């Protein structure tokens, strides 16, 4: 049987489109509805520049209305004020040699899908991690600058096994929901590390729903879709581990992708391997993942694109929505 090489199947348009599709399919936060495509940001993502602004009008307030039957007074118009969110684009790339994907060329019926599925899955995971690290940055900013009004922390670093009051459970999650007050019912997704997830499983509090069409199992808790991801913070103290669970409204993150000049590229290195040759495929991204209600101030950015560590730095974030209720995100910190 003839050997299939990357050169035999490489088409830049096909590869780029397939990678984009798989990157979306592989991102659990996009699939759950936490991160959604934003037409405004998407249009901005196609133009130059690493930083962009999203102006918005602030709420009109809830002061008591004037009464029209008071003919002795005149109405004084209130001002409509505005603010701006600030996002930062991430320009990224990665490459793989034929030795990393050679088995995919021979063991699968569709080698294009085999390779692009792997690469798209890689970028889906990258986007997922950027969502999580941005959440960590928002959490750190909230603790430092907004009196932790988005956070319920029941964790301790005491010696010994955690008590029930320090572990995830219905009461703690309801308390985290209630940081949104009467908007708490808008929280539709809960993301957690596998350790607190296992506790809820043991308590038989997770409900599994099987999609009758696809057969896919969708787990829920308190009517919220459950996302399990061990990339969520699990911070070790002296005696305990603190796990951060995040509750989301759907659509709280904007997701947009720009168009790199050359999104995908193939290279044959004839001299590599002492003349044996090597095939390399390159993939490039220009992504924007941004939580609504915040400005990424880029206070501590060393380069053009923010790294995972820089996204997690609360000093780079600032909440620009005046009302805490306008931000559809809550945090719960537990010992398991």
C-alpha atoms as a PDB file:
ATOM      1  CA  UNK A   1       0.000   0.000   0.000  1.00  0.00           C
ATOM      2  CA  UNK A   2       1.329   3.435  -0.896  1.00  0.00           C
ATOM      3  CA  UNK A   3       2.367   5.665   2.002  1.00  0.00           C
ATOM      4  CA  UNK A   4       0.214   8.770   2.593  1.00  0.00           C
ATOM      5  CA  UNK A   5       2.181  11.907   3.445  1.00  0.00           C
ATOM      6  CA  UNK A   6       1.014  15.298   4.679  1.00  0.00           C
ATOM      7  CA  UNK A   7       1.847  16.762   1.274  1.00  0.00           C
ATOM      8  CA  UNK A   8      -0.653  14.345  -0.323  1.00  0.00           C
ATOM      9  CA  UNK A   9      -3.584  15.639   1.716  1.00  0.00           C
ATOM     10  CA  UNK A  10      -2.642  19.187   2.637  1.00  0.00           C
ATOM     11  CA  UNK A  11      -5.028  21.904   1.488  1.00  0.00           C
ATOM     12  CA  UNK A  12      -4.702  25.116   3.555  1.00  0.00           C
ATOM     13  CA  UNK A  13      -8.362  26.100   3.274  1.00  0.00           C
ATOM     14  CA  UNK A  14      -9.644  22.641   4.175  1.00  0.00           C
ATOM     15  CA  UNK A  15      -7.208  22.358   7.059  1.00  0.00           C
ATOM     16  CA  UNK A  16      -7.999  25.811   8.491  1.00  0.00           C
ATOM     17  CA  UNK A  17     -11.779  25.280   8.302  1.00  0.00           C
ATOM     18  CA  UNK A  18     -11.590  21.806   9.824  1.00  0.00           C
ATOM     19  CA  UNK A  19      -9.372  23.034  12.655  1.00  0.00           C
ATOM     20  CA  UNK A  20     -11.790  25.886  13.451  1.00  0.00           C
ATOM     21  CA  UNK A  21     -14.748  23.505  13.586  1.00  0.00           C
ATOM     22  CA  UNK A  22     -12.956  21.018  15.815  1.00  0.00           C
ATOM     23  CA  UNK A  23     -11.656  23.777  18.111  1.00  0.00           C
ATOM     24  CA  UNK A  24     -15.253  24.807  18.807  1.00  0.00           C
ATOM     25  CA  UNK A  25     -16.440  21.217  19.211  1.00  0.00           C
ATOM     26  CA  UNK A  26     -13.617  20.428  21.640  1.00  0.00           C
ATOM     27  CA  UNK A  27     -14.201  23.404  23.947  1.00  0.00           C
ATOM     28  CA  UNK A  28     -16.590  22.425  26.740  1.00  0.00           C
ATOM     29  CA  UNK A  29     -17.267  26.046  27.699  1.00  0.00           C
ATOM     30  CA  UNK A  30     -18.351  26.892  24.161  1.00  0.00           C
ATOM     31  CA  UNK A  31     -20.472  23.735  23.966  1.00  0.00           C
ATOM     32  CA  UNK A  32     -22.129  24.553  27.302  1.00  0.00           C
ATOM     33  CA  UNK A  33     -22.992  28.075  26.122  1.00  0.00           C
ATOM     34  CA  UNK A  34     -20.672  29.943  28.526  1.00  0.00           C
ATOM     35  CA  UNK A  35     -18.612  31.379  25.636  1.00  0.00           C
ATOM     36  CA  UNK A  36     -20.553  32.466  22.565  1.00  0.00           C
ATOM     37  CA  UNK A  37     -19.700  34.104  19.274  1.00  0.00           C
ATOM     38  CA  UNK A  38     -20.073  37.888  19.405  1.00  0.00           C
ATOM     39  CA  UNK A  39     -20.718  39.550  16.055  1.00  0.00           C
ATOM     40  CA  UNK A  40     -19.308  42.917  17.163  1.00  0.00           C
ATOM     41  CA  UNK A  41     -16.076  41.457  18.515  1.00  0.00           C
ATOM     42  CA  UNK A  42     -15.846  39.099  15.547  1.00  0.00           C
ATOM     43  CA  UNK A  43     -15.898  42.090  13.192  1.00  0.00           C
ATOM     44  CA  UNK A  44     -13.168  43.752  15.255  1.00  0.00           C
ATOM     45  CA  UNK A  45     -11.134  40.541  15.276  1.00  0.00           C
ATOM     46  CA  UNK A  46     -10.685  40.721  11.521  1.00  0.00           C
ATOM     47  CA  UNK A  47      -8.895  44.077  11.655  1.00  0.00           C
ATOM     48  CA  UNK A  48      -5.455  44.907  12.997  1.00  0.00           C
ATOM     49  CA  UNK A  49      -4.453  45.692  16.539  1.00  0.00           C
ATOM     50  CA  UNK A  50      -3.968  43.598  19.671  1.00  0.00           C
ATOM     51  CA  UNK A  51      -6.264  45.636  21.970  1.00  0.00           C
ATOM     52  CA  UNK A  52      -9.836  46.754  21.354  1.00  0.00           C
ATOM     53  CA  UNK A  53     -12.610  48.620  23.149  1.00  0.00           C
ATOM     54  CA  UNK A  54     -16.287  47.752  23.535  1.00  0.00           C
ATOM     55  CA  UNK A  55     -18.237  50.838  24.630  1.00  0.00           C
ATOM     56  CA  UNK A  56     -21.507  50.261  26.480  1.00  0.00           C
ATOM     57  CA  UNK A  57     -24.259  52.354  28.060  1.00  0.00           C
ATOM     58  CA  UNK A  58     -24.716  51.923  31.781  1.00  0.00           C
ATOM     59  CA  UNK A  59     -28.059  51.057  33.360  1.00  0.00           C
ATOM     60  CA  UNK A  60     -30.655  53.834  33.713  1.00  0.00           C
ATOM     61  CA  UNK A  61     -30.988  53.234  37.440  1.00  0.00           C
ATOM     62  CA  UNK A  62     -34.038  52.296  39.486  1.00  0.00           C
ATOM     63  CA  UNK A  63     -34.986  55.553  41.171  1.00  0.00           C
ATOM     64  CA  UNK A  64     -38.698  56.224  41.574  1.00  0.00           C
ATOM     65  CA  UNK A  65     -40.350  57.723  38.515  1.00  0.00           C
ATOM     66  CA  UNK A  66     -41.891  61.197  38.335  1.00  0.00           C
ATOM     67  CA  UNK A  67     -45.663  61.440  38.742  1.00  0.00           C
ATOM     68  CA  UNK A  68     -47.385  63.209  35.873  1.00  0.00           C
ATOM     69  CA  UNK A  69     -50.235  64.544  37.995  1.00  0.00           C
ATOM     70  CA  UNK A  70     -47.871  66.926  39.829  1.00  0.00           C
ATOM     71  CA  UNK A  71     -48.361  69.990  37.633  1.00  0.00           C
ATOM     72  CA  UNK A  72     -46.340  72.257  39.893  1.00  0.00           C
ATOM     73  CA  UNK A  73     -43.001  70.611  39.073  1.00  0.00           C
ATOM     74  CA  UNK A  74     -40.886  70.119  35.979  1.00  0.00           C
ATOM     75  CA  UNK A  75     -38.945  67.037  35.021  1.00  0.00           C
ATOM     76  CA  UNK A  76     -35.157  67.111  35.228  1.00  0.00           C
ATOM     77  CA  UNK A  77     -33.674  64.672  32.693  1.00  0.00           C
ATOM     78  CA  UNK A  78     -31.185  62.150  33.978  1.00  0.00           C
ATOM     79  CA  UNK A  79     -27.956  61.568  32.119  1.00  0.00           C
ATOM     80  CA  UNK A  80     -27.165  58.349  30.267  1.00  0.00           C
ATOM     81  CA  UNK A  81     -23.578  57.438  31.099  1.00  0.00           C
ATOM     82  CA  UNK A  82     -21.288  55.064  29.293  1.00  0.00           C
ATOM     83  CA  UNK A  83     -18.264  52.911  29.975  1.00  0.00           C
ATOM     84  CA  UNK A  84     -15.939  50.719  27.995  1.00  0.00           C
ATOM     85  CA  UNK A  85     -14.801  47.125  28.132  1.00  0.00           C
ATOM     86  CA  UNK A  86     -11.302  46.385  26.901  1.00  0.00           C
ATOM     87  CA  UNK A  87     -10.253  43.074  25.363  1.00  0.00           C
ATOM     88  CA  UNK A  88      -6.869  41.754  24.265  1.00  0.00           C
ATOM     89  CA  UNK A  89      -6.286  39.480  21.317  1.00  0.00           C
ATOM     90  CA  UNK A  90      -4.075  36.392  21.650  1.00  0.00           C
ATOM     91  CA  UNK A  91      -1.909  35.668  18.621  1.00  0.00           C
ATOM     92  CA  UNK A  92      -0.660  32.098  18.935  1.00  0.00           C
ATOM     93  CA  UNK A  93       0.959  29.342  16.904  1.00  0.00           C
ATOM     94  CA  UNK A  94       2.065  25.752  17.218  1.00  0.00           C
ATOM     95  CA  UNK A  95       3.682  23.218  14.904  1.00  0.00           C
ATOM     96  CA  UNK A  96       3.927  19.446  14.659  1.00  0.00           C
ATOM     97  CA  UNK A  97       6.287  17.241  12.723  1.00  0.00           C
ATOM     98  CA  UNK A  98       5.322  14.186  10.719  1.00  0.00           C
ATOM     99  CA  UNK A  99       6.689  11.902  13.418  1.00  0.00           C
ATOM    100  CA  UNK A 100       3.980  13.194  15.781  1.00  0.00           C
ATOM    101  CA  UNK A 101       1.146  12.566  13.339  1.00  0.00           C
ATOM    102  CA  UNK A 102       2.496   9.712  11.220  1.00  0.00           C
ATOM    103  CA  UNK A 103       0.252   7.122  12.843  1.00  0.00           C
ATOM    104  CA  UNK A 104      -2.760   9.287  12.059  1.00  0.00           C
ATOM    105  CA  UNK A 105      -1.926   9.069   8.368  1.00  0.00           C
ATOM    106  CA  UNK A 106      -2.097   5.292   8.292  1.00  0.00           C
ATOM    107  CA  UNK A 107      -4.578   4.230  10.974  1.00  0.00           C
ATOM    108  CA  UNK A 108      -7.544   6.384   9.999  1.00  0.00           C
ATOM    109  CA  UNK A 109      -9.775   6.256   6.929  1.00  0.00           C
ATOM    110  CA  UNK A 110      -9.811  10.048   6.642  1.00  0.00           C
ATOM    111  CA  UNK A 111      -6.280  11.389   7.268  1.00  0.00           C
ATOM    112  CA  UNK A 112      -7.405  15.031   6.920  1.00  0.00           C
ATOM    113  CA  UNK A 113      -9.904  14.651   9.742  1.00  0.00           C
ATOM    114  CA  UNK A 114      -7.382  12.621  11.749  1.00  0.00           C
ATOM    115  CA  UNK A 115      -4.803  15.409  11.706  1.00  0.00           C
ATOM    116  CA  UNK A 116      -7.131  18.399  11.903  1.00  0.00           C
ATOM    117  CA  UNK A 117      -9.073  16.723  14.699  1.00  0.00           C
ATOM    118  CA  UNK A 118      -5.893  16.489  16.741  1.00  0.00           C
ATOM    119  CA  UNK A 119      -4.872  20.070  15.984  1.00  0.00           C
ATOM    120  CA  UNK A 120      -8.395  21.431  16.452  1.00  0.00           C
ATOM    121  CA  UNK A 121      -8.652  19.587  19.757  1.00  0.00           C
ATOM    122  CA  UNK A 122      -5.393  21.209  20.829  1.00  0.00           C
ATOM    123  CA  UNK A 123      -6.759  24.697  20.086  1.00  0.00           C
ATOM    124  CA  UNK A 124     -10.073  23.861  21.763  1.00  0.00           C
ATOM    125  CA  UNK A 125      -8.147  23.039  24.924  1.00  0.00           C
ATOM    126  CA  UNK A 126      -6.136  26.257  24.591  1.00  0.00           C
ATOM    127  CA  UNK A 127      -9.348  28.289  24.411  1.00  0.00           C
ATOM    128  CA  UNK A 128     -10.758  26.393  27.386  1.00  0.00           C
ATOM    129  CA  UNK A 129      -7.675  27.194  29.459  1.00  0.00           C
ATOM    130  CA  UNK A 130      -7.884  30.864  28.483  1.00  0.00           C
ATOM    131  CA  UNK A 131     -11.486  30.964  29.720  1.00  0.00           C
ATOM    132  CA  UNK A 132     -10.449  29.402  33.032  1.00  0.00           C
ATOM    133  CA  UNK A 133      -7.393  31.627  33.519  1.00  0.00           C
ATOM    134  CA  UNK A 134      -9.487  34.707  32.729  1.00  0.00           C
ATOM    135  CA  UNK A 135     -11.951  33.562  35.399  1.00  0.00           C
ATOM    136  CA  UNK A 136      -9.089  33.247  37.880  1.00  0.00           C
ATOM    137  CA  UNK A 137      -8.007  36.799  37.040  1.00  0.00           C
ATOM    138  CA  UNK A 138     -11.562  38.073  37.507  1.00  0.00           C
ATOM    139  CA  UNK A 139     -11.738  36.231  40.860  1.00  0.00           C
ATOM    140  CA  UNK A 140      -8.454  37.724  42.042  1.00  0.00           C
ATOM    141  CA  UNK A 141      -9.537  41.210  40.988  1.00  0.00           C
ATOM    142  CA  UNK A 142     -12.855  40.745  42.788  1.00  0.00           C
ATOM    143  CA  UNK A 143     -11.201  39.713  46.041  1.00  0.00           C
ATOM    144  CA  UNK A 144      -8.761  42.636  45.899  1.00  0.00           C
ATOM    145  CA  UNK A 145     -10.976  45.431  44.607  1.00  0.00           C
ATOM    146  CA  UNK A 146     -14.656  44.551  44.995  1.00  0.00           C
ATOM    147  CA  UNK A 147     -14.951  43.109  48.510  1.00  0.00           C
ATOM    148  CA  UNK A 148     -15.336  39.540  47.197  1.00  0.00           C
ATOM    149  CA  UNK A 149     -18.948  40.243  46.247  1.00  0.00           C
ATOM    150  CA  UNK A 150     -18.800  37.450  43.639  1.00  0.00           C
ATOM    151  CA  UNK A 151     -17.188  34.877  45.944  1.00  0.00           C
ATOM    152  CA  UNK A 152     -18.287  32.454  48.671  1.00  0.00           C
ATOM    153  CA  UNK A 153     -15.246  30.912  50.374  1.00  0.00           C
ATOM    154  CA  UNK A 154     -15.883  28.138  52.916  1.00  0.00           C
ATOM    155  CA  UNK A 155     -12.429  26.554  52.636  1.00  0.00           C
ATOM    156  CA  UNK A 156      -9.854  26.524  55.435  1.00  0.00           C
ATOM    157  CA  UNK A 157      -6.282  25.318  55.796  1.00  0.00           C
ATOM    158  CA  UNK A 158      -6.896  23.573  59.106  1.00  0.00           C
ATOM    159  CA  UNK A 159      -5.200  20.328  60.085  1.00  0.00           C
ATOM    160  CA  UNK A 160      -7.269  17.184  59.611  1.00  0.00           C
ATOM    161  CA  UNK A 161     -10.005  16.083  57.281  1.00  0.00           C
ATOM    162  CA  UNK A 162     -12.394  18.792  56.057  1.00  0.00           C
ATOM    163  CA  UNK A 163     -15.788  19.030  57.743  1.00  0.00           C
ATOM    164  CA  UNK A 164     -19.007  18.954  55.759  1.00  0.00           C
ATOM    165  CA  UNK A 165     -19.268  22.728  56.197  1.00  0.00           C
ATOM    166  CA  UNK A 166     -16.006  23.110  54.250  1.00  0.00           C
ATOM    167  CA  UNK A 167     -17.028  20.870  51.355  1.00  0.00           C
ATOM    168  CA  UNK A 168     -19.178  21.474  48.305  1.00  0.00           C
ATOM    169  CA  UNK A 169     -22.888  20.892  48.787  1.00  0.00           C
ATOM    170  CA  UNK A 170     -26.320  22.300  48.071  1.00  0.00           C
ATOM    171  CA  UNK A 171     -26.184  25.015  50.737  1.00  0.00           C
ATOM    172  CA  UNK A 172     -22.782  26.313  49.607  1.00  0.00           C
ATOM    173  CA  UNK A 173     -23.792  26.367  45.950  1.00  0.00           C
ATOM    174  CA  UNK A 174     -27.033  28.183  46.745  1.00  0.00           C
ATOM    175  CA  UNK A 175     -25.008  30.745  48.721  1.00  0.00           C
ATOM    176  CA  UNK A 176     -22.768  31.251  45.673  1.00  0.00           C
ATOM    177  CA  UNK A 177     -25.830  31.647  43.457  1.00  0.00           C
ATOM    178  CA  UNK A 178     -27.257  34.203  45.870  1.00  0.00           C
ATOM    179  CA  UNK A 179     -24.318  36.569  45.325  1.00  0.00           C
ATOM    180  CA  UNK A 180     -26.353  37.486  42.221  1.00  0.00           C
ATOM    181  CA  UNK A 181     -29.427  38.213  44.318  1.00  0.00           C
ATOM    182  CA  UNK A 182     -32.645  38.027  42.361  1.00  0.00           C
ATOM    183  CA  UNK A 183     -30.652  37.279  39.195  1.00  0.00           C
ATOM    184  CA  UNK A 184     -29.400  33.960  40.589  1.00  0.00           C
ATOM    185  CA  UNK A 185     -31.781  31.954  38.433  1.00  0.00           C
ATOM    186  CA  UNK A 186     -29.856  33.133  35.375  1.00  0.00           C
ATOM    187  CA  UNK A 187     -26.915  30.912  36.345  1.00  0.00           C
ATOM    188  CA  UNK A 188     -27.187  27.921  34.033  1.00  0.00           C
ATOM    189  CA  UNK A 189     -23.720  26.299  34.012  1.00  0.00           C
ATOM    190  CA  UNK A 190     -21.538  25.083  36.882  1.00  0.00           C
ATOM    191  CA  UNK A 191     -17.876  24.182  36.244  1.00  0.00           C
ATOM    192  CA  UNK A 192     -15.895  22.217  38.808  1.00  0.00           C
ATOM    193  CA  UNK A 193     -12.806  20.128  39.405  1.00  0.00           C
ATOM    194  CA  UNK A 194     -13.324  16.359  39.449  1.00  0.00           C
ATOM    195  CA  UNK A 195     -12.810  16.212  43.244  1.00  0.00           C
ATOM    196  CA  UNK A 196     -15.879  18.284  44.246  1.00  0.00           C
ATOM    197  CA  UNK A 197     -17.731  16.685  41.333  1.00  0.00           C
ATOM    198  CA  UNK A 198     -17.040  13.250  42.822  1.00  0.00           C
ATOM    199  CA  UNK A 199     -18.475  14.396  46.162  1.00  0.00           C
ATOM    200  CA  UNK A 200     -21.709  15.539  44.518  1.00  0.00           C
ATOM    201  CA  UNK A 201     -21.809  12.214  42.667  1.00  0.00           C
ATOM    202  CA  UNK A 202     -21.465  10.280  45.921  1.00  0.00           C
ATOM    203  CA  UNK A 203     -24.256  12.366  47.436  1.00  0.00           C
ATOM    204  CA  UNK A 204     -26.338  11.370  44.388  1.00  0.00           C
ATOM    205  CA  UNK A 205     -26.984  15.024  43.576  1.00  0.00           C
ATOM    206  CA  UNK A 206     -25.949  14.882  39.907  1.00  0.00           C
ATOM    207  CA  UNK A 207     -28.759  14.199  37.424  1.00  0.00           C
ATOM    208  CA  UNK A 208     -27.853  12.556  34.109  1.00  0.00           C
ATOM    209  CA  UNK A 209     -30.038  13.296  31.102  1.00  0.00           C
ATOM    210  CA  UNK A 210     -29.580  11.316  27.900  1.00  0.00           C
ATOM    211  CA  UNK A 211     -30.184  13.150  24.635  1.00  0.00           C
ATOM    212  CA  UNK A 212     -32.644  10.913  22.764  1.00  0.00           C
ATOM    213  CA  UNK A 213     -31.178  11.893  19.395  1.00  0.00           C
ATOM    214  CA  UNK A 214     -27.407  11.837  19.992  1.00  0.00           C
ATOM    215  CA  UNK A 215     -27.254   9.567  23.018  1.00  0.00           C
ATOM    216  CA  UNK A 216     -24.928  12.076  24.701  1.00  0.00           C
ATOM    217  CA  UNK A 217     -25.217  12.228  28.489  1.00  0.00           C
ATOM    218  CA  UNK A 218     -25.766  15.745  29.861  1.00  0.00           C
ATOM    219  CA  UNK A 219     -25.160  16.033  33.601  1.00  0.00           C
ATOM    220  CA  UNK A 220     -26.962  18.721  35.601  1.00  0.00           C
ATOM    221  CA  UNK A 221     -27.011  19.955  39.176  1.00  0.00           C
ATOM    222  CA  UNK A 222     -29.774  22.237  40.467  1.00  0.00           C
ATOM    223  CA  UNK A 223     -30.815  22.530  36.793  1.00  0.00           C
ATOM    224  CA  UNK A 224     -27.354  23.816  35.856  1.00  0.00           C
ATOM    225  CA  UNK A 225     -25.273  22.067  33.182  1.00  0.00           C
ATOM    226  CA  UNK A 226     -22.178  20.513  34.780  1.00  0.00           C
ATOM    227  CA  UNK A 227     -18.731  20.996  33.215  1.00  0.00           C
ATOM    228  CA  UNK A 228     -15.925  18.962  34.807  1.00  0.00           C
ATOM    229  CA  UNK A 229     -12.412  20.243  34.148  1.00  0.00           C
ATOM    230  CA  UNK A 230      -9.301  19.549  36.202  1.00  0.00           C
ATOM    231  CA  UNK A 231      -7.752  22.757  34.854  1.00  0.00           C
ATOM    232  CA  UNK A 232      -9.964  24.622  37.328  1.00  0.00           C
ATOM    233  CA  UNK A 233      -7.983  25.900  40.322  1.00  0.00           C
ATOM    234  CA  UNK A 234      -6.882  23.333  42.891  1.00  0.00           C
ATOM    235  CA  UNK A 235      -4.499  25.262  45.133  1.00  0.00           C
ATOM    236  CA  UNK A 236      -2.542  23.394  47.789  1.00  0.00           C
ATOM    237  CA  UNK A 237      -2.075  25.069  51.161  1.00  0.00           C
ATOM    238  CA  UNK A 238      -0.080  23.745  54.089  1.00  0.00           C
ATOM    239  CA  UNK A 239      -2.756  21.222  55.033  1.00  0.00           C
ATOM    240  CA  UNK A 240      -5.617  21.445  52.539  1.00  0.00           C
ATOM    241  CA  UNK A 241      -6.398  21.913  48.862  1.00  0.00           C
ATOM    242  CA  UNK A 242      -8.766  24.727  47.871  1.00  0.00           C
ATOM    243  CA  UNK A 243     -10.986  23.958  44.876  1.00  0.00           C
ATOM    244  CA  UNK A 244     -12.691  26.760  42.937  1.00  0.00           C
ATOM    245  CA  UNK A 245     -16.068  26.040  41.388  1.00  0.00           C
ATOM    246  CA  UNK A 246     -17.480  28.621  38.965  1.00  0.00           C
ATOM    247  CA  UNK A 247     -21.146  29.284  38.209  1.00  0.00           C
ATOM    248  CA  UNK A 248     -21.974  30.971  34.899  1.00  0.00           C
ATOM    249  CA  UNK A 249     -24.773  32.543  32.993  1.00  0.00           C
ATOM    250  CA  UNK A 250     -24.789  31.396  29.400  1.00  0.00           C
ATOM    251  CA  UNK A 251     -23.110  33.879  27.089  1.00  0.00           C
ATOM    252  CA  UNK A 252     -21.013  35.533  29.791  1.00  0.00           C
ATOM    253  CA  UNK A 253     -17.860  35.194  27.643  1.00  0.00           C
ATOM    254  CA  UNK A 254     -17.442  36.548  24.123  1.00  0.00           C
ATOM    255  CA  UNK A 255     -15.594  34.312  21.686  1.00  0.00           C
ATOM    256  CA  UNK A 256     -14.150  35.555  18.403  1.00  0.00           C
ATOM    257  CA  UNK A 257     -11.439  34.452  16.014  1.00  0.00           C
ATOM    258  CA  UNK A 258      -9.426  36.639  13.696  1.00  0.00           C
ATOM    259  CA  UNK A 259      -7.722  35.570  10.511  1.00  0.00           C
ATOM    260  CA  UNK A 260      -3.934  35.162  10.645  1.00  0.00           C
ATOM    261  CA  UNK A 261      -2.165  36.024   7.395  1.00  0.00           C
ATOM    262  CA  UNK A 262      -1.292  32.327   6.986  1.00  0.00           C
ATOM    263  CA  UNK A 263      -3.522  30.247   9.260  1.00  0.00           C
ATOM    264  CA  UNK A 264      -2.048  26.899   8.256  1.00  0.00           C
ATOM    265  CA  UNK A 265       1.185  26.034   6.509  1.00  0.00           C
ATOM    266  CA  UNK A 266       3.069  22.945   5.363  1.00  0.00           C
ATOM    267  CA  UNK A 267       6.866  22.652   5.127  1.00  0.00           C
ATOM    268  CA  UNK A 268       9.104  19.886   3.825  1.00  0.00           C
ATOM    269  CA  UNK A 269      12.575  19.883   5.439  1.00  0.00           C
ATOM    270  CA  UNK A 270      14.756  17.844   3.119  1.00  0.00           C
ATOM    271  CA  UNK A 271      17.933  18.119   5.250  1.00  0.00           C
ATOM    272  CA  UNK A 272      16.282  17.114   8.538  1.00  0.00           C
ATOM    273  CA  UNK A 273      17.130  13.720  10.005  1.00  0.00           C
ATOM    274  CA  UNK A 274      20.541  13.816   8.373  1.00  0.00           C
ATOM    275  CA  UNK A 275      18.898  14.037   4.971  1.00  0.00           C
ATOM    276  CA  UNK A 276      16.081  11.598   5.716  1.00  0.00           C
ATOM    277  CA  UNK A 277      13.594  14.436   5.504  1.00  0.00           C
ATOM    278  CA  UNK A 278      10.798  15.698   7.733  1.00  0.00           C
ATOM    279  CA  UNK A 279       7.315  17.091   7.225  1.00  0.00           C
ATOM    280  CA  UNK A 280       6.022  19.901   9.460  1.00  0.00           C
ATOM    281  CA  UNK A 281       2.576  21.441   9.679  1.00  0.00           C
ATOM    282  CA  UNK A 282       2.072  24.850  11.297  1.00  0.00           C
ATOM    283  CA  UNK A 283      -1.152  26.196  12.783  1.00  0.00           C
ATOM    284  CA  UNK A 284      -1.770  29.809  13.800  1.00  0.00           C
ATOM    285  CA  UNK A 285      -4.603  31.443  15.744  1.00  0.00           C
ATOM    286  CA  UNK A 286      -5.783  34.959  16.505  1.00  0.00           C
ATOM    287  CA  UNK A 287      -8.399  34.541  19.243  1.00  0.00           C
ATOM    288  CA  UNK A 288     -10.357  36.813  21.532  1.00  0.00           C
ATOM    289  CA  UNK A 289     -11.887  35.303  24.688  1.00  0.00           C
ATOM    290  CA  UNK A 290     -13.326  38.002  26.932  1.00  0.00           C
ATOM    291  CA  UNK A 291     -15.757  38.121  29.891  1.00  0.00           C
ATOM    292  CA  UNK A 292     -18.499  40.729  29.567  1.00  0.00           C
ATOM    293  CA  UNK A 293     -18.363  43.504  32.138  1.00  0.00           C
ATOM    294  CA  UNK A 294     -14.590  43.736  32.431  1.00  0.00           C
ATOM    295  CA  UNK A 295     -11.663  45.675  31.054  1.00  0.00           C
ATOM    296  CA  UNK A 296      -8.374  43.875  30.578  1.00  0.00           C
ATOM    297  CA  UNK A 297      -6.040  46.681  31.598  1.00  0.00           C
ATOM    298  CA  UNK A 298      -2.841  44.863  30.576  1.00  0.00           C
ATOM    299  CA  UNK A 299      -0.996  46.314  33.577  1.00  0.00           C
ATOM    300  CA  UNK A 300       1.514  43.480  33.742  1.00  0.00           C
ATOM    301  CA  UNK A 301       1.755  42.235  30.168  1.00  0.00           C
ATOM    302  CA  UNK A 302       5.294  41.495  29.022  1.00  0.00           C
ATOM    303  CA  UNK A 303       4.536  40.782  25.362  1.00  0.00           C
ATOM    304  CA  UNK A 304       1.746  41.465  22.895  1.00  0.00           C
ATOM    305  CA  UNK A 305      -0.475  38.516  23.837  1.00  0.00           C
ATOM    306  CA  UNK A 306      -1.413  37.678  27.430  1.00  0.00           C
ATOM    307  CA  UNK A 307      -0.065  34.379  28.758  1.00  0.00           C
ATOM    308  CA  UNK A 308      -2.073  32.073  31.020  1.00  0.00           C
ATOM    309  CA  UNK A 309      -0.286  33.524  34.050  1.00  0.00           C
ATOM    310  CA  UNK A 310      -1.010  37.093  32.936  1.00  0.00           C
ATOM    311  CA  UNK A 311      -4.687  36.276  32.411  1.00  0.00           C
ATOM    312  CA  UNK A 312      -4.836  34.916  35.971  1.00  0.00           C
ATOM    313  CA  UNK A 313      -3.276  38.091  37.420  1.00  0.00           C
ATOM    314  CA  UNK A 314      -6.032  40.159  39.005  1.00  0.00           C
ATOM    315  CA  UNK A 315      -3.990  43.337  38.497  1.00  0.00           C
ATOM    316  CA  UNK A 316      -4.749  43.081  34.766  1.00  0.00           C
ATOM    317  CA  UNK A 317      -8.541  43.126  35.243  1.00  0.00           C
ATOM    318  CA  UNK A 318     -11.078  45.741  36.264  1.00  0.00           C
ATOM    319  CA  UNK A 319     -14.841  45.340  36.553  1.00  0.00           C
ATOM    320  CA  UNK A 320     -16.471  48.135  34.580  1.00  0.00           C
ATOM    321  CA  UNK A 321     -20.110  47.141  35.059  1.00  0.00           C
ATOM    322  CA  UNK A 322     -21.371  49.137  38.047  1.00  0.00           C
ATOM    323  CA  UNK A 323     -23.857  46.508  39.202  1.00  0.00           C
ATOM    324  CA  UNK A 324     -22.544  43.207  40.529  1.00  0.00           C
ATOM    325  CA  UNK A 325     -25.806  41.656  39.272  1.00  0.00           C
ATOM    326  CA  UNK A 326     -24.829  42.562  35.708  1.00  0.00           C
ATOM    327  CA  UNK A 327     -21.947  40.075  35.766  1.00  0.00           C
ATOM    328  CA  UNK A 328     -23.257  36.535  35.324  1.00  0.00           C
ATOM    329  CA  UNK A 329     -20.525  34.722  37.211  1.00  0.00           C
ATOM    330  CA  UNK A 330     -20.080  33.467  40.788  1.00  0.00           C
ATOM    331  CA  UNK A 331     -17.278  31.618  42.572  1.00  0.00           C
ATOM    332  CA  UNK A 332     -17.338  28.979  45.302  1.00  0.00           C
ATOM    333  CA  UNK A 333     -14.121  27.938  47.083  1.00  0.00           C
ATOM    334  CA  UNK A 334     -14.229  24.672  49.038  1.00  0.00           C
ATOM    335  CA  UNK A 335     -11.898  21.991  50.402  1.00  0.00           C
ATOM    336  CA  UNK A 336     -13.437  19.383  48.144  1.00  0.00           C
END
